[in-house]
Amino acid sequence: MIVVTRVEDIHEALSGVCLTIGNFDGVHMGHAKLLARVRDRAAAASLVSAALTFDPHPRKVLLGAAAPPAITGTEHKLECMEAMGLQLAVVLPFTRELAAREPEDFVREVLVEGLCLKHLVIGYDYAFGKGRKGNFELLSALGQKYGFGVERLDPVIINGAVVSSTRIRDMVLAGNVWDARPLLGRFHQVRGTVAHGHKRGRKLGFPTANLAFREELVPLSGVYAVWVELDGVVRPGVANIGKNPTFGEFEMSVEAHILDFKGKIYGEHIRVHFVQRIRSEKKFSGPDELIARIREDIGLARMILAAPDARP
């Protein structure tokens, strides 16, 4: 998949594009339906299959510190798009100026003149531009004016409700990572680099990878059965999210103990796939009680991860 941040970088290579537009936070099953439709429609019409998205997420620019965390970073988002078979991803830098553009100007200059748009696929509630005036009705009228088709897909319903980024985010923040999987089409993951911590886990007999994570969505504090991915290999593990109250710490951390693993991975980039929450965070009377509980957590994690539907 080709990735560009300016339409000028790809314009001359395009003769016709089938496109979808959106933030695609989470690249969930609703997004997957859009991407699959674009891929298949493009193949049938000999067009380039493409998605246009934004970085940073518009909420971060418009709301600042009040913006909720992203379910997926841009790197993860693009990986998912490529796995769906798209040929082109356009990642436009999002600014307040872009948000204030009139929808018709954006369609004409970026989509029609820049990307040679021939067919546009949007979600059931998609709108963009100044005052969010760029809705299905306006896009349909612009399609007739500039010569492209517009198709709007119905929402995806799972467990009686519409799949949405907000619904998934609420589940993860509540620790319901297992229930979020059907909506995402995979387990929620947090990515980061293994950093040096207090090495307390090693002293207890359970060394942990202390994750220096990015600005991604971190589940509710507690202990989780997880898969830890390193260099494309996934290994079973137990992760703790919290402040280690037994030792009087105050900063939030994500630490993963990889089962039956003894390698040194400081500085390595890993992905932690959250399968199921085992328990909430607890303050123990001391190291001995904590060690006993960790052993119990590991036993529970092994049982959870052994289930056929618990694979990443």
C-alpha atoms as a PDB file:
ATOM      1  CA  MET A   1       0.000   0.000   0.000  1.00  0.00           C
ATOM      2  CA  ILE A   2       1.273   3.445  -0.913  1.00  0.00           C
ATOM      3  CA  VAL A   3       1.008   6.113   1.810  1.00  0.00           C
ATOM      4  CA  VAL A   4       1.148   9.833   1.025  1.00  0.00           C
ATOM      5  CA  THR A   5       0.540  12.995   3.019  1.00  0.00           C
ATOM      6  CA  ARG A   6      -0.068  15.295   0.037  1.00  0.00           C
ATOM      7  CA  VAL A   7      -2.286  14.628  -2.968  1.00  0.00           C
ATOM      8  CA  GLU A   8       0.341  16.328  -5.135  1.00  0.00           C
ATOM      9  CA  ASP A   9       2.654  13.381  -4.482  1.00  0.00           C
ATOM     10  CA  ILE A  10       0.350  10.910  -6.209  1.00  0.00           C
ATOM     11  CA  HIS A  11      -1.840  12.923  -8.598  1.00  0.00           C
ATOM     12  CA  GLU A  12      -0.022  12.149 -11.850  1.00  0.00           C
ATOM     13  CA  ALA A  13      -0.100   8.390 -11.212  1.00  0.00           C
ATOM     14  CA  LEU A  14      -3.877   8.261 -10.829  1.00  0.00           C
ATOM     15  CA  SER A  15      -6.471   7.766 -13.531  1.00  0.00           C
ATOM     16  CA  GLY A  16      -9.392   6.984 -11.239  1.00  0.00           C
ATOM     17  CA  VAL A  17      -9.958   6.275  -7.552  1.00  0.00           C
ATOM     18  CA  CYS A  18     -12.626   4.559  -5.477  1.00  0.00           C
ATOM     19  CA  LEU A  19     -12.346   6.252  -2.102  1.00  0.00           C
ATOM     20  CA  THR A  20     -13.625   6.303   1.445  1.00  0.00           C
ATOM     21  CA  ILE A  21     -13.014   9.117   3.938  1.00  0.00           C
ATOM     22  CA  GLY A  22     -12.944   9.095   7.703  1.00  0.00           C
ATOM     23  CA  ASN A  23     -10.956   9.110  10.915  1.00  0.00           C
ATOM     24  CA  PHE A  24     -11.165   5.297  11.175  1.00  0.00           C
ATOM     25  CA  ASP A  25     -10.292   5.336  14.877  1.00  0.00           C
ATOM     26  CA  GLY A  26     -10.007   1.690  15.856  1.00  0.00           C
ATOM     27  CA  VAL A  27     -10.501   0.468  12.281  1.00  0.00           C
ATOM     28  CA  HIS A  28     -13.405  -1.527  13.704  1.00  0.00           C
ATOM     29  CA  MET A  29     -15.915  -3.799  11.966  1.00  0.00           C
ATOM     30  CA  GLY A  30     -17.931  -0.833  10.709  1.00  0.00           C
ATOM     31  CA  HIS A  31     -14.808   0.590   9.108  1.00  0.00           C
ATOM     32  CA  ALA A  32     -13.908  -2.846   7.753  1.00  0.00           C
ATOM     33  CA  LYS A  33     -17.213  -2.922   5.882  1.00  0.00           C
ATOM     34  CA  LEU A  34     -16.368   0.424   4.234  1.00  0.00           C
ATOM     35  CA  LEU A  35     -12.825  -0.611   3.338  1.00  0.00           C
ATOM     36  CA  ALA A  36     -13.946  -3.957   1.917  1.00  0.00           C
ATOM     37  CA  ARG A  37     -16.583  -2.244  -0.220  1.00  0.00           C
ATOM     38  CA  VAL A  38     -13.993   0.200  -1.578  1.00  0.00           C
ATOM     39  CA  ARG A  39     -11.564  -2.628  -2.317  1.00  0.00           C
ATOM     40  CA  ASP A  40     -14.162  -4.727  -4.129  1.00  0.00           C
ATOM     41  CA  ARG A  41     -15.784  -1.811  -5.992  1.00  0.00           C
ATOM     42  CA  ALA A  42     -12.378  -0.588  -7.152  1.00  0.00           C
ATOM     43  CA  ALA A  43     -11.377  -4.038  -8.404  1.00  0.00           C
ATOM     44  CA  ALA A  44     -14.637  -4.416 -10.341  1.00  0.00           C
ATOM     45  CA  ALA A  45     -14.273  -0.997 -11.998  1.00  0.00           C
ATOM     46  CA  SER A  46     -10.469  -1.064 -12.542  1.00  0.00           C
ATOM     47  CA  LEU A  47      -9.985   1.825 -10.126  1.00  0.00           C
ATOM     48  CA  VAL A  48      -7.419   2.426  -7.390  1.00  0.00           C
ATOM     49  CA  SER A  49      -8.762   1.531  -3.950  1.00  0.00           C
ATOM     50  CA  ALA A  50      -8.000   4.305  -1.469  1.00  0.00           C
ATOM     51  CA  ALA A  51      -8.783   5.719   1.961  1.00  0.00           C
ATOM     52  CA  LEU A  52      -8.328   9.303   3.081  1.00  0.00           C
ATOM     53  CA  THR A  53      -7.759   9.945   6.776  1.00  0.00           C
ATOM     54  CA  PHE A  54      -6.232  12.572   9.032  1.00  0.00           C
ATOM     55  CA  ASP A  55      -3.328  12.964  11.460  1.00  0.00           C
ATOM     56  CA  PRO A  56      -3.596  14.023  14.182  1.00  0.00           C
ATOM     57  CA  HIS A  57      -7.171  13.006  14.906  1.00  0.00           C
ATOM     58  CA  PRO A  58      -9.417  16.074  14.407  1.00  0.00           C
ATOM     59  CA  ARG A  59     -10.587  15.887  18.018  1.00  0.00           C
ATOM     60  CA  LYS A  60      -7.037  16.430  19.229  1.00  0.00           C
ATOM     61  CA  VAL A  61      -6.752  19.635  17.225  1.00  0.00           C
ATOM     62  CA  LEU A  62     -10.218  20.943  18.012  1.00  0.00           C
ATOM     63  CA  LEU A  63     -10.490  19.849  21.676  1.00  0.00           C
ATOM     64  CA  GLY A  64      -6.864  19.770  22.804  1.00  0.00           C
ATOM     65  CA  ALA A  65      -6.309  18.088  26.179  1.00  0.00           C
ATOM     66  CA  ALA A  66     -10.051  17.360  26.442  1.00  0.00           C
ATOM     67  CA  ALA A  67      -9.922  14.974  23.468  1.00  0.00           C
ATOM     68  CA  PRO A  68     -10.351  11.292  24.340  1.00  0.00           C
ATOM     69  CA  PRO A  69      -7.401   8.996  23.604  1.00  0.00           C
ATOM     70  CA  ALA A  70      -7.228   7.302  20.218  1.00  0.00           C
ATOM     71  CA  ILE A  71      -8.040   3.605  20.005  1.00  0.00           C
ATOM     72  CA  THR A  72      -5.392   3.184  17.324  1.00  0.00           C
ATOM     73  CA  GLY A  73      -2.417   5.316  16.375  1.00  0.00           C
ATOM     74  CA  THR A  74      -1.818   6.224  12.738  1.00  0.00           C
ATOM     75  CA  GLU A  75       0.767   3.459  12.257  1.00  0.00           C
ATOM     76  CA  HIS A  76      -1.659   0.797  13.481  1.00  0.00           C
ATOM     77  CA  LYS A  77      -4.487   2.295  11.438  1.00  0.00           C
ATOM     78  CA  LEU A  78      -2.452   2.078   8.236  1.00  0.00           C
ATOM     79  CA  GLU A  79      -1.451  -1.516   8.971  1.00  0.00           C
ATOM     80  CA  CYS A  80      -5.113  -2.456   9.241  1.00  0.00           C
ATOM     81  CA  MET A  81      -5.930  -0.697   5.959  1.00  0.00           C
ATOM     82  CA  GLU A  82      -3.122  -2.493   4.177  1.00  0.00           C
ATOM     83  CA  ALA A  83      -4.290  -5.826   5.598  1.00  0.00           C
ATOM     84  CA  MET A  84      -7.725  -5.096   4.098  1.00  0.00           C
ATOM     85  CA  GLY A  85      -6.135  -4.891   0.648  1.00  0.00           C
ATOM     86  CA  LEU A  86      -6.223  -1.145  -0.029  1.00  0.00           C
ATOM     87  CA  GLN A  87      -3.746   0.207  -2.542  1.00  0.00           C
ATOM     88  CA  LEU A  88      -3.472   3.830  -1.390  1.00  0.00           C
ATOM     89  CA  ALA A  89      -3.793   5.732   1.892  1.00  0.00           C
ATOM     90  CA  VAL A  90      -3.822   9.516   1.994  1.00  0.00           C
ATOM     91  CA  VAL A  91      -3.017  10.856   5.479  1.00  0.00           C
ATOM     92  CA  LEU A  92      -3.700  14.582   5.455  1.00  0.00           C
ATOM     93  CA  PRO A  93      -2.320  16.768   8.261  1.00  0.00           C
ATOM     94  CA  PHE A  94      -5.382  18.025  10.122  1.00  0.00           C
ATOM     95  CA  THR A  95      -5.524  21.719  11.008  1.00  0.00           C
ATOM     96  CA  ARG A  96      -8.161  24.211  12.063  1.00  0.00           C
ATOM     97  CA  GLU A  97      -7.869  25.730   8.602  1.00  0.00           C
ATOM     98  CA  LEU A  98      -8.759  22.406   7.022  1.00  0.00           C
ATOM     99  CA  ALA A  99     -11.745  22.049   9.364  1.00  0.00           C
ATOM    100  CA  ALA A 100     -13.007  25.466   8.287  1.00  0.00           C
ATOM    101  CA  ARG A 101     -12.876  24.764   4.544  1.00  0.00           C
ATOM    102  CA  GLU A 102     -16.101  24.757   2.602  1.00  0.00           C
ATOM    103  CA  PRO A 103     -17.019  21.166   1.686  1.00  0.00           C
ATOM    104  CA  GLU A 104     -17.324  21.886  -2.031  1.00  0.00           C
ATOM    105  CA  ASP A 105     -13.847  23.444  -2.163  1.00  0.00           C
ATOM    106  CA  PHE A 106     -12.386  20.355  -0.467  1.00  0.00           C
ATOM    107  CA  VAL A 107     -14.225  17.975  -2.786  1.00  0.00           C
ATOM    108  CA  ARG A 108     -13.218  19.843  -5.936  1.00  0.00           C
ATOM    109  CA  GLU A 109      -9.573  20.559  -5.079  1.00  0.00           C
ATOM    110  CA  VAL A 110      -8.580  17.468  -3.070  1.00  0.00           C
ATOM    111  CA  LEU A 111     -10.882  14.665  -4.189  1.00  0.00           C
ATOM    112  CA  VAL A 112     -11.700  15.480  -7.811  1.00  0.00           C
ATOM    113  CA  GLU A 113      -8.667  17.417  -9.038  1.00  0.00           C
ATOM    114  CA  GLY A 114      -6.160  15.864  -6.638  1.00  0.00           C
ATOM    115  CA  LEU A 115      -7.250  12.226  -6.457  1.00  0.00           C
ATOM    116  CA  CYS A 116      -9.267  11.801  -9.664  1.00  0.00           C
ATOM    117  CA  LEU A 117     -12.267  10.578  -7.668  1.00  0.00           C
ATOM    118  CA  LYS A 118     -14.686   8.331  -9.558  1.00  0.00           C
ATOM    119  CA  HIS A 119     -16.615   6.678  -6.729  1.00  0.00           C
ATOM    120  CA  LEU A 120     -16.991   7.603  -3.054  1.00  0.00           C
ATOM    121  CA  VAL A 121     -18.108   5.250  -0.272  1.00  0.00           C
ATOM    122  CA  ILE A 122     -19.088   6.794   3.072  1.00  0.00           C
ATOM    123  CA  GLY A 123     -20.503   5.630   6.384  1.00  0.00           C
ATOM    124  CA  TYR A 124     -24.122   6.106   7.387  1.00  0.00           C
ATOM    125  CA  ASP A 125     -23.376   9.187   9.546  1.00  0.00           C
ATOM    126  CA  TYR A 126     -20.398  10.734   7.773  1.00  0.00           C
ATOM    127  CA  ALA A 127     -20.142  14.520   7.475  1.00  0.00           C
ATOM    128  CA  PHE A 128     -17.175  16.874   7.117  1.00  0.00           C
ATOM    129  CA  GLY A 129     -16.063  20.436   6.511  1.00  0.00           C
ATOM    130  CA  LYS A 130     -17.267  23.763   7.849  1.00  0.00           C
ATOM    131  CA  GLY A 131     -20.384  23.256   9.943  1.00  0.00           C
ATOM    132  CA  ARG A 132     -20.272  19.557   8.972  1.00  0.00           C
ATOM    133  CA  LYS A 133     -22.185  20.508   5.839  1.00  0.00           C
ATOM    134  CA  GLY A 134     -20.426  17.840   3.776  1.00  0.00           C
ATOM    135  CA  ASN A 135     -23.101  15.185   4.270  1.00  0.00           C
ATOM    136  CA  PHE A 136     -24.524  12.505   1.986  1.00  0.00           C
ATOM    137  CA  GLU A 137     -27.026  14.854   0.329  1.00  0.00           C
ATOM    138  CA  LEU A 138     -24.406  17.476  -0.514  1.00  0.00           C
ATOM    139  CA  LEU A 139     -21.902  14.859  -1.679  1.00  0.00           C
ATOM    140  CA  SER A 140     -24.527  13.320  -3.965  1.00  0.00           C
ATOM    141  CA  ALA A 141     -25.198  16.713  -5.535  1.00  0.00           C
ATOM    142  CA  LEU A 142     -21.468  17.359  -5.935  1.00  0.00           C
ATOM    143  CA  GLY A 143     -21.074  13.915  -7.468  1.00  0.00           C
ATOM    144  CA  GLN A 144     -23.540  14.833 -10.202  1.00  0.00           C
ATOM    145  CA  LYS A 145     -21.732  18.140 -10.735  1.00  0.00           C
ATOM    146  CA  TYR A 146     -18.190  16.730 -10.870  1.00  0.00           C
ATOM    147  CA  GLY A 147     -18.795  13.242 -12.223  1.00  0.00           C
ATOM    148  CA  PHE A 148     -18.363  10.760  -9.369  1.00  0.00           C
ATOM    149  CA  GLY A 149     -20.716   8.280  -7.741  1.00  0.00           C
ATOM    150  CA  VAL A 150     -21.607   8.323  -4.051  1.00  0.00           C
ATOM    151  CA  GLU A 151     -22.593   5.316  -1.983  1.00  0.00           C
ATOM    152  CA  ARG A 152     -23.647   5.313   1.675  1.00  0.00           C
ATOM    153  CA  LEU A 153     -23.440   2.095   3.689  1.00  0.00           C
ATOM    154  CA  ASP A 154     -25.690   1.101   6.569  1.00  0.00           C
ATOM    155  CA  PRO A 155     -24.170   0.727  10.044  1.00  0.00           C
ATOM    156  CA  VAL A 156     -22.862  -2.590  11.333  1.00  0.00           C
ATOM    157  CA  ILE A 157     -24.896  -3.950  14.242  1.00  0.00           C
ATOM    158  CA  ILE A 158     -23.258  -6.283  16.779  1.00  0.00           C
ATOM    159  CA  ASN A 159     -24.980  -7.475  19.955  1.00  0.00           C
ATOM    160  CA  GLY A 160     -27.947  -5.229  19.300  1.00  0.00           C
ATOM    161  CA  ALA A 161     -26.118  -1.899  18.885  1.00  0.00           C
ATOM    162  CA  VAL A 162     -24.235   0.056  16.235  1.00  0.00           C
ATOM    163  CA  VAL A 163     -20.481  -0.538  16.151  1.00  0.00           C
ATOM    164  CA  SER A 164     -18.754   2.772  16.837  1.00  0.00           C
ATOM    165  CA  SER A 165     -15.438   4.073  18.096  1.00  0.00           C
ATOM    166  CA  THR A 166     -17.192   5.627  21.090  1.00  0.00           C
ATOM    167  CA  ARG A 167     -18.779   2.324  22.087  1.00  0.00           C
ATOM    168  CA  ILE A 168     -15.451   0.511  21.826  1.00  0.00           C
ATOM    169  CA  ARG A 169     -13.614   3.205  23.772  1.00  0.00           C
ATOM    170  CA  ASP A 170     -16.151   3.032  26.580  1.00  0.00           C
ATOM    171  CA  MET A 171     -15.754  -0.758  26.757  1.00  0.00           C
ATOM    172  CA  VAL A 172     -11.961  -0.591  26.948  1.00  0.00           C
ATOM    173  CA  LEU A 173     -11.999   2.171  29.566  1.00  0.00           C
ATOM    174  CA  ALA A 174     -14.332  -0.013  31.631  1.00  0.00           C
ATOM    175  CA  GLY A 175     -11.972  -2.989  31.310  1.00  0.00           C
ATOM    176  CA  ASN A 176     -14.346  -4.947  29.061  1.00  0.00           C
ATOM    177  CA  VAL A 177     -11.657  -5.834  26.542  1.00  0.00           C
ATOM    178  CA  TRP A 178     -13.140  -9.270  25.842  1.00  0.00           C
ATOM    179  CA  ASP A 179     -16.479  -7.721  24.826  1.00  0.00           C
ATOM    180  CA  ALA A 180     -14.705  -5.176  22.626  1.00  0.00           C
ATOM    181  CA  ARG A 181     -13.110  -7.863  20.476  1.00  0.00           C
ATOM    182  CA  PRO A 182     -16.162  -8.636  18.262  1.00  0.00           C
ATOM    183  CA  LEU A 183     -16.519  -4.929  17.510  1.00  0.00           C
ATOM    184  CA  LEU A 184     -12.847  -4.443  16.692  1.00  0.00           C
ATOM    185  CA  GLY A 185     -12.375  -7.755  14.924  1.00  0.00           C
ATOM    186  CA  ARG A 186      -9.297  -8.323  17.104  1.00  0.00           C
ATOM    187  CA  PHE A 187      -8.166  -7.752  20.678  1.00  0.00           C
ATOM    188  CA  HIS A 188      -7.398  -4.197  21.732  1.00  0.00           C
ATOM    189  CA  GLN A 189      -3.673  -3.549  21.830  1.00  0.00           C
ATOM    190  CA  VAL A 190      -1.270  -1.041  23.297  1.00  0.00           C
ATOM    191  CA  ARG A 191       2.108  -0.504  21.654  1.00  0.00           C
ATOM    192  CA  GLY A 192       5.326   0.882  23.019  1.00  0.00           C
ATOM    193  CA  THR A 193       9.000   0.434  23.788  1.00  0.00           C
ATOM    194  CA  VAL A 194      10.270  -1.638  26.717  1.00  0.00           C
ATOM    195  CA  ALA A 195      11.840   0.792  29.179  1.00  0.00           C
ATOM    196  CA  HIS A 196      13.783   0.320  32.387  1.00  0.00           C
ATOM    197  CA  GLY A 197      11.545   0.317  35.443  1.00  0.00           C
ATOM    198  CA  HIS A 198      12.172  -0.374  39.137  1.00  0.00           C
ATOM    199  CA  LYS A 199      13.044  -4.041  38.348  1.00  0.00           C
ATOM    200  CA  ARG A 200      10.783  -4.982  41.243  1.00  0.00           C
ATOM    201  CA  GLY A 201       9.153  -7.785  39.260  1.00  0.00           C
ATOM    202  CA  ARG A 202      12.513  -9.432  38.668  1.00  0.00           C
ATOM    203  CA  LYS A 203      13.262  -9.365  42.394  1.00  0.00           C
ATOM    204  CA  LEU A 204       9.899 -11.041  43.056  1.00  0.00           C
ATOM    205  CA  GLY A 205      10.648 -13.744  40.503  1.00  0.00           C
ATOM    206  CA  PHE A 206       8.340 -12.392  37.799  1.00  0.00           C
ATOM    207  CA  PRO A 207      10.289 -10.033  35.508  1.00  0.00           C
ATOM    208  CA  THR A 208       8.121  -7.584  33.628  1.00  0.00           C
ATOM    209  CA  ALA A 209       8.456  -5.511  30.481  1.00  0.00           C
ATOM    210  CA  ASN A 210       7.707  -1.920  31.477  1.00  0.00           C
ATOM    211  CA  LEU A 211       5.956  -0.367  28.499  1.00  0.00           C
ATOM    212  CA  ALA A 212       6.682   3.237  27.541  1.00  0.00           C
ATOM    213  CA  PHE A 213       3.426   3.538  25.634  1.00  0.00           C
ATOM    214  CA  ARG A 214       2.259   6.146  23.195  1.00  0.00           C
ATOM    215  CA  GLU A 215      -0.883   8.255  23.301  1.00  0.00           C
ATOM    216  CA  GLU A 216      -3.185   5.291  22.849  1.00  0.00           C
ATOM    217  CA  LEU A 217      -6.182   4.029  24.745  1.00  0.00           C
ATOM    218  CA  VAL A 218      -5.131   2.166  27.911  1.00  0.00           C
ATOM    219  CA  PRO A 219      -7.696  -0.135  29.562  1.00  0.00           C
ATOM    220  CA  LEU A 220      -8.994   0.257  33.095  1.00  0.00           C
ATOM    221  CA  SER A 221      -6.403  -0.441  35.781  1.00  0.00           C
ATOM    222  CA  GLY A 222      -6.112  -4.068  36.853  1.00  0.00           C
ATOM    223  CA  VAL A 223      -4.559  -7.381  35.849  1.00  0.00           C
ATOM    224  CA  TYR A 224      -5.162  -8.858  32.396  1.00  0.00           C
ATOM    225  CA  ALA A 225      -4.490 -12.038  30.464  1.00  0.00           C
ATOM    226  CA  VAL A 226      -2.581 -10.831  27.391  1.00  0.00           C
ATOM    227  CA  TRP A 227      -0.579 -11.814  24.388  1.00  0.00           C
ATOM    228  CA  VAL A 228       2.751 -10.030  24.032  1.00  0.00           C
ATOM    229  CA  GLU A 229       3.959  -9.609  20.467  1.00  0.00           C
ATOM    230  CA  LEU A 230       7.660  -9.135  19.718  1.00  0.00           C
ATOM    231  CA  ASP A 231       9.075  -9.267  16.183  1.00  0.00           C
ATOM    232  CA  GLY A 232       5.866 -10.863  14.915  1.00  0.00           C
ATOM    233  CA  VAL A 233       5.908 -13.661  17.527  1.00  0.00           C
ATOM    234  CA  VAL A 234       3.127 -13.722  20.132  1.00  0.00           C
ATOM    235  CA  ARG A 235       3.693 -15.151  23.596  1.00  0.00           C
ATOM    236  CA  PRO A 236       1.258 -15.583  26.501  1.00  0.00           C
ATOM    237  CA  GLY A 237       1.500 -13.177  29.386  1.00  0.00           C
ATOM    238  CA  VAL A 238      -0.046 -11.308  32.282  1.00  0.00           C
ATOM    239  CA  ALA A 239      -0.164  -7.510  32.318  1.00  0.00           C
ATOM    240  CA  ASN A 240      -0.724  -5.100  35.159  1.00  0.00           C
ATOM    241  CA  ILE A 241      -2.070  -1.617  34.569  1.00  0.00           C
ATOM    242  CA  GLY A 242      -1.921   0.672  37.556  1.00  0.00           C
ATOM    243  CA  LYS A 243       0.180   2.428  40.159  1.00  0.00           C
ATOM    244  CA  ASN A 244       1.569  -0.534  42.141  1.00  0.00           C
ATOM    245  CA  PRO A 245      -0.126   0.502  45.406  1.00  0.00           C
ATOM    246  CA  THR A 246       1.646  -2.231  47.394  1.00  0.00           C
ATOM    247  CA  PHE A 247       4.887  -0.269  46.907  1.00  0.00           C
ATOM    248  CA  GLY A 248       3.392   3.203  47.255  1.00  0.00           C
ATOM    249  CA  GLU A 249       3.843   4.318  43.650  1.00  0.00           C
ATOM    250  CA  PHE A 250       1.741   7.054  42.072  1.00  0.00           C
ATOM    251  CA  GLU A 251       2.422   7.017  38.322  1.00  0.00           C
ATOM    252  CA  MET A 252       0.343   4.873  35.975  1.00  0.00           C
ATOM    253  CA  SER A 253       2.306   2.073  34.318  1.00  0.00           C
ATOM    254  CA  VAL A 254       1.725  -0.835  31.961  1.00  0.00           C
ATOM    255  CA  GLU A 255       3.858  -3.865  32.823  1.00  0.00           C
ATOM    256  CA  ALA A 256       3.732  -7.258  31.118  1.00  0.00           C
ATOM    257  CA  HIS A 257       5.176 -10.523  32.413  1.00  0.00           C
ATOM    258  CA  ILE A 258       5.806 -12.875  29.482  1.00  0.00           C
ATOM    259  CA  LEU A 259       5.216 -16.464  30.535  1.00  0.00           C
ATOM    260  CA  ASP A 260       8.093 -18.930  30.109  1.00  0.00           C
ATOM    261  CA  PHE A 261      10.367 -16.275  28.611  1.00  0.00           C
ATOM    262  CA  LYS A 262      13.836 -15.228  29.795  1.00  0.00           C
ATOM    263  CA  GLY A 263      15.154 -12.938  27.070  1.00  0.00           C
ATOM    264  CA  LYS A 264      16.243  -9.328  27.571  1.00  0.00           C
ATOM    265  CA  ILE A 265      14.087  -6.964  25.545  1.00  0.00           C
ATOM    266  CA  TYR A 266      14.958  -3.475  26.811  1.00  0.00           C
ATOM    267  CA  GLY A 267      14.511  -0.982  23.980  1.00  0.00           C
ATOM    268  CA  GLU A 268      12.447  -3.398  21.898  1.00  0.00           C
ATOM    269  CA  HIS A 269       9.099  -2.389  20.442  1.00  0.00           C
ATOM    270  CA  ILE A 270       6.282  -4.665  21.626  1.00  0.00           C
ATOM    271  CA  ARG A 271       2.522  -4.910  21.301  1.00  0.00           C
ATOM    272  CA  VAL A 272       0.347  -6.045  24.197  1.00  0.00           C
ATOM    273  CA  HIS A 273      -2.966  -7.612  23.125  1.00  0.00           C
ATOM    274  CA  PHE A 274      -5.490  -7.427  25.984  1.00  0.00           C
ATOM    275  CA  VAL A 275      -7.638 -10.555  26.110  1.00  0.00           C
ATOM    276  CA  GLN A 276      -9.526 -10.512  29.404  1.00  0.00           C
ATOM    277  CA  ARG A 277      -9.445  -8.652  32.705  1.00  0.00           C
ATOM    278  CA  ILE A 278      -8.664 -10.988  35.603  1.00  0.00           C
ATOM    279  CA  ARG A 279      -9.071  -8.655  38.564  1.00  0.00           C
ATOM    280  CA  SER A 280      -8.841  -5.094  39.784  1.00  0.00           C
ATOM    281  CA  GLU A 281      -5.674  -3.589  41.212  1.00  0.00           C
ATOM    282  CA  LYS A 282      -5.165  -4.280  44.906  1.00  0.00           C
ATOM    283  CA  LYS A 283      -2.818  -3.237  47.677  1.00  0.00           C
ATOM    284  CA  PHE A 284      -1.270  -6.301  49.330  1.00  0.00           C
ATOM    285  CA  SER A 285       0.166  -6.607  52.821  1.00  0.00           C
ATOM    286  CA  GLY A 286       3.633  -7.265  51.447  1.00  0.00           C
ATOM    287  CA  PRO A 287       5.752  -9.147  48.869  1.00  0.00           C
ATOM    288  CA  ASP A 288       4.738 -12.636  50.018  1.00  0.00           C
ATOM    289  CA  GLU A 289       1.014 -12.023  49.586  1.00  0.00           C
ATOM    290  CA  LEU A 290       1.682 -10.341  46.246  1.00  0.00           C
ATOM    291  CA  ILE A 291       3.784 -13.282  44.992  1.00  0.00           C
ATOM    292  CA  ALA A 292       1.021 -15.737  45.910  1.00  0.00           C
ATOM    293  CA  ARG A 293      -1.532 -13.642  44.024  1.00  0.00           C
ATOM    294  CA  ILE A 294       0.704 -13.292  40.966  1.00  0.00           C
ATOM    295  CA  ARG A 295       0.994 -17.077  40.796  1.00  0.00           C
ATOM    296  CA  GLU A 296      -2.784 -17.324  40.908  1.00  0.00           C
ATOM    297  CA  ASP A 297      -3.079 -14.654  38.181  1.00  0.00           C
ATOM    298  CA  ILE A 298      -0.679 -16.603  35.956  1.00  0.00           C
ATOM    299  CA  GLY A 299      -2.708 -19.781  36.414  1.00  0.00           C
ATOM    300  CA  LEU A 300      -5.900 -17.972  35.447  1.00  0.00           C
ATOM    301  CA  ALA A 301      -4.193 -16.343  32.449  1.00  0.00           C
ATOM    302  CA  ARG A 302      -2.999 -19.721  31.168  1.00  0.00           C
ATOM    303  CA  MET A 303      -6.567 -21.067  31.292  1.00  0.00           C
ATOM    304  CA  ILE A 304      -8.000 -18.000  29.553  1.00  0.00           C
ATOM    305  CA  LEU A 305      -5.376 -17.956  26.801  1.00  0.00           C
ATOM    306  CA  ALA A 306      -5.774 -21.691  26.153  1.00  0.00           C
ATOM    307  CA  ALA A 307      -9.314 -21.141  24.824  1.00  0.00           C
ATOM    308  CA  PRO A 308      -9.614 -21.405  21.004  1.00  0.00           C
ATOM    309  CA  ASP A 309     -11.219 -17.967  20.698  1.00  0.00           C
ATOM    310  CA  ALA A 310      -8.541 -16.300  22.817  1.00  0.00           C
ATOM    311  CA  ARG A 311      -5.892 -16.298  20.098  1.00  0.00           C
ATOM    312  CA  PRO A 312      -4.831 -12.874  18.739  1.00  0.00           C
END
